[in-house]
Amino acid sequence: TASKEVQGVYVYPFSIQLQNISYNTMLKLFSELEKNNRIIQADQVQISPDKARPGYLSSVSLSLKTFVQP
């Protein structure tokens, strides 16, 4: 969709949902998102720990958006 704030820029929303990953894997994912050459904005982040396995997450849900200029 066209950005309301910046003319000629489009907003591309997307989501990532992961299950049963380690905390370290989540940190690596966040690090890779930060290193990306595109601006990525997080709208919502939900993290649920795995109560049976310390250091693991039962689910991670990210609502993100990036910006593109055709």
N, C-alpha and C. Protein backbone atom coordinates (compact mmCIF):
# COMPACT_ATOMS: atom_id res chain seq x y z
N THR A 1 0.84 -1.18 0.00
CA THR A 1 0.00 0.00 0.00
C THR A 1 0.89 1.25 0.00
N ALA A 2 0.36 2.32 -0.53
CA ALA A 2 1.10 3.57 -0.57
C ALA A 2 1.24 4.15 0.84
N SER A 3 2.43 4.67 1.12
CA SER A 3 2.68 5.29 2.42
C SER A 3 1.91 6.60 2.52
N LYS A 4 1.33 6.84 3.68
CA LYS A 4 0.62 8.09 3.91
C LYS A 4 1.58 9.21 4.29
N GLU A 5 2.76 8.83 4.81
CA GLU A 5 3.72 9.81 5.29
C GLU A 5 4.69 10.28 4.21
N VAL A 6 5.11 9.37 3.32
CA VAL A 6 6.14 9.70 2.34
C VAL A 6 5.62 9.38 0.94
N GLN A 7 5.54 10.38 0.11
CA GLN A 7 5.04 10.20 -1.25
C GLN A 7 6.01 9.35 -2.07
N GLY A 8 5.47 8.42 -2.85
CA GLY A 8 6.28 7.57 -3.71
C GLY A 8 6.88 6.35 -3.03
N VAL A 9 6.55 6.14 -1.77
CA VAL A 9 7.05 4.98 -1.02
C VAL A 9 5.87 4.08 -0.69
N TYR A 10 6.10 2.80 -0.80
CA TYR A 10 5.07 1.81 -0.48
C TYR A 10 5.45 1.05 0.78
N VAL A 11 4.44 0.66 1.53
CA VAL A 11 4.61 -0.11 2.76
C VAL A 11 4.25 -1.56 2.46
N TYR A 12 5.15 -2.48 2.82
CA TYR A 12 4.91 -3.90 2.59
C TYR A 12 4.86 -4.61 3.94
N PRO A 13 3.66 -4.91 4.45
CA PRO A 13 3.56 -5.60 5.73
C PRO A 13 3.76 -7.11 5.55
N PHE A 14 4.38 -7.75 6.55
CA PHE A 14 4.53 -9.19 6.54
C PHE A 14 4.66 -9.69 7.98
N SER A 15 4.52 -10.98 8.15
CA SER A 15 4.62 -11.54 9.50
C SER A 15 5.50 -12.79 9.47
N ILE A 16 6.08 -13.07 10.62
CA ILE A 16 6.90 -14.26 10.82
C ILE A 16 6.38 -14.94 12.07
N GLN A 17 6.13 -16.24 11.98
CA GLN A 17 5.68 -17.01 13.13
C GLN A 17 6.56 -18.25 13.26
N LEU A 18 7.17 -18.40 14.41
CA LEU A 18 8.07 -19.53 14.67
C LEU A 18 7.61 -20.27 15.91
N GLN A 19 7.90 -21.56 15.95
CA GLN A 19 7.54 -22.37 17.11
C GLN A 19 8.73 -23.23 17.52
N ASN A 20 8.83 -23.44 18.82
CA ASN A 20 9.83 -24.35 19.38
C ASN A 20 11.25 -24.02 18.92
N ILE A 21 11.68 -22.80 19.22
CA ILE A 21 13.05 -22.39 18.88
C ILE A 21 13.78 -22.01 20.17
N SER A 22 15.08 -21.99 20.09
CA SER A 22 15.86 -21.59 21.26
C SER A 22 15.89 -20.06 21.35
N TYR A 23 16.18 -19.59 22.54
CA TYR A 23 16.32 -18.16 22.77
C TYR A 23 17.44 -17.61 21.90
N ASN A 24 18.55 -18.36 21.79
CA ASN A 24 19.68 -17.93 20.97
C ASN A 24 19.31 -17.81 19.50
N THR A 25 18.47 -18.70 19.00
CA THR A 25 18.00 -18.62 17.62
C THR A 25 17.19 -17.35 17.40
N MET A 26 16.35 -17.01 18.37
CA MET A 26 15.58 -15.77 18.27
C MET A 26 16.51 -14.56 18.22
N LEU A 27 17.55 -14.56 19.05
CA LEU A 27 18.50 -13.45 19.04
C LEU A 27 19.22 -13.35 17.69
N LYS A 28 19.55 -14.48 17.08
CA LYS A 28 20.19 -14.49 15.76
C LYS A 28 19.24 -13.91 14.71
N LEU A 29 17.97 -14.27 14.79
CA LEU A 29 16.98 -13.73 13.86
C LEU A 29 16.90 -12.22 13.98
N PHE A 30 16.81 -11.71 15.20
CA PHE A 30 16.75 -10.27 15.42
C PHE A 30 18.01 -9.58 14.90
N SER A 31 19.15 -10.20 15.10
CA SER A 31 20.41 -9.65 14.61
C SER A 31 20.42 -9.56 13.09
N GLU A 32 19.94 -10.60 12.42
CA GLU A 32 19.88 -10.59 10.95
C GLU A 32 18.90 -9.54 10.43
N LEU A 33 17.79 -9.35 11.13
CA LEU A 33 16.84 -8.31 10.73
C LEU A 33 17.48 -6.93 10.83
N GLU A 34 18.29 -6.72 11.86
CA GLU A 34 18.95 -5.43 12.05
C GLU A 34 20.03 -5.19 10.99
N LYS A 35 20.68 -6.25 10.51
CA LYS A 35 21.74 -6.14 9.51
C LYS A 35 21.20 -5.95 8.10
N ASN A 36 19.92 -6.21 7.90
CA ASN A 36 19.30 -6.12 6.59
C ASN A 36 19.48 -4.71 6.02
N ASN A 37 19.64 -4.61 4.72
CA ASN A 37 19.82 -3.30 4.08
C ASN A 37 18.52 -2.50 3.97
N ARG A 38 17.41 -3.12 4.23
CA ARG A 38 16.12 -2.43 4.19
C ARG A 38 15.71 -2.02 5.60
N ILE A 39 14.93 -0.96 5.66
CA ILE A 39 14.34 -0.56 6.93
C ILE A 39 13.19 -1.51 7.22
N ILE A 40 13.24 -2.13 8.38
CA ILE A 40 12.16 -3.01 8.82
C ILE A 40 11.66 -2.50 10.16
N GLN A 41 10.37 -2.28 10.24
CA GLN A 41 9.75 -1.77 11.47
C GLN A 41 8.89 -2.86 12.07
N ALA A 42 9.06 -3.09 13.36
CA ALA A 42 8.25 -4.07 14.08
C ALA A 42 7.02 -3.38 14.63
N ASP A 43 5.85 -3.88 14.26
CA ASP A 43 4.60 -3.34 14.79
C ASP A 43 4.18 -4.08 16.04
N GLN A 44 4.45 -5.39 16.06
CA GLN A 44 4.03 -6.20 17.20
C GLN A 44 4.98 -7.39 17.35
N VAL A 45 5.35 -7.67 18.58
CA VAL A 45 6.21 -8.82 18.89
C VAL A 45 5.58 -9.57 20.06
N GLN A 46 5.36 -10.88 19.87
CA GLN A 46 4.84 -11.72 20.95
C GLN A 46 5.78 -12.90 21.13
N ILE A 47 6.25 -13.07 22.35
CA ILE A 47 7.18 -14.16 22.67
C ILE A 47 6.60 -14.96 23.82
N SER A 48 6.50 -16.27 23.62
CA SER A 48 5.97 -17.16 24.66
C SER A 48 7.05 -18.16 25.06
N PRO A 49 7.48 -18.13 26.32
CA PRO A 49 8.51 -19.07 26.74
C PRO A 49 7.98 -20.49 26.84
N ASP A 50 8.87 -21.44 26.69
CA ASP A 50 8.53 -22.85 26.88
C ASP A 50 8.78 -23.17 28.35
N LYS A 51 7.72 -23.35 29.10
CA LYS A 51 7.84 -23.56 30.54
C LYS A 51 8.51 -24.88 30.90
N ALA A 52 8.47 -25.84 29.98
CA ALA A 52 9.06 -27.15 30.25
C ALA A 52 10.54 -27.20 29.92
N ARG A 53 10.99 -26.31 29.02
CA ARG A 53 12.39 -26.33 28.60
C ARG A 53 13.00 -24.93 28.74
N PRO A 54 13.77 -24.71 29.77
CA PRO A 54 14.43 -23.41 29.94
C PRO A 54 15.34 -23.11 28.74
N GLY A 55 15.34 -21.86 28.30
CA GLY A 55 16.17 -21.45 27.18
C GLY A 55 15.49 -21.64 25.83
N TYR A 56 14.24 -22.13 25.84
CA TYR A 56 13.50 -22.34 24.60
C TYR A 56 12.20 -21.55 24.64
N LEU A 57 11.71 -21.26 23.44
CA LEU A 57 10.47 -20.51 23.30
C LEU A 57 9.45 -21.38 22.59
N SER A 58 8.24 -21.40 23.10
CA SER A 58 7.20 -22.19 22.44
C SER A 58 6.70 -21.50 21.17
N SER A 59 6.71 -20.15 21.16
CA SER A 59 6.33 -19.44 19.95
C SER A 59 6.87 -18.02 19.95
N VAL A 60 7.14 -17.54 18.74
CA VAL A 60 7.55 -16.17 18.49
C VAL A 60 6.74 -15.68 17.30
N SER A 61 6.06 -14.57 17.47
CA SER A 61 5.23 -14.01 16.42
C SER A 61 5.62 -12.55 16.21
N LEU A 62 5.96 -12.21 14.96
CA LEU A 62 6.38 -10.86 14.63
C LEU A 62 5.49 -10.30 13.53
N SER A 63 4.97 -9.10 13.73
CA SER A 63 4.26 -8.36 12.69
C SER A 63 5.20 -7.22 12.29
N LEU A 64 5.63 -7.25 11.03
CA LEU A 64 6.65 -6.32 10.57
C LEU A 64 6.18 -5.60 9.31
N LYS A 65 6.91 -4.57 8.96
CA LYS A 65 6.68 -3.94 7.67
C LYS A 65 8.00 -3.34 7.17
N THR A 66 8.14 -3.34 5.86
CA THR A 66 9.28 -2.73 5.23
C THR A 66 8.78 -1.71 4.22
N PHE A 67 9.68 -0.92 3.73
CA PHE A 67 9.31 0.17 2.84
C PHE A 67 10.05 0.03 1.53
N VAL A 68 9.34 0.19 0.43
CA VAL A 68 9.94 0.05 -0.90
C VAL A 68 9.57 1.24 -1.76
N GLN A 69 10.50 1.57 -2.66
CA GLN A 69 10.27 2.65 -3.61
C GLN A 69 10.43 2.07 -5.00
N PRO A 70 9.36 2.05 -5.77
CA PRO A 70 9.44 1.44 -7.11
C PRO A 70 10.35 2.20 -8.07
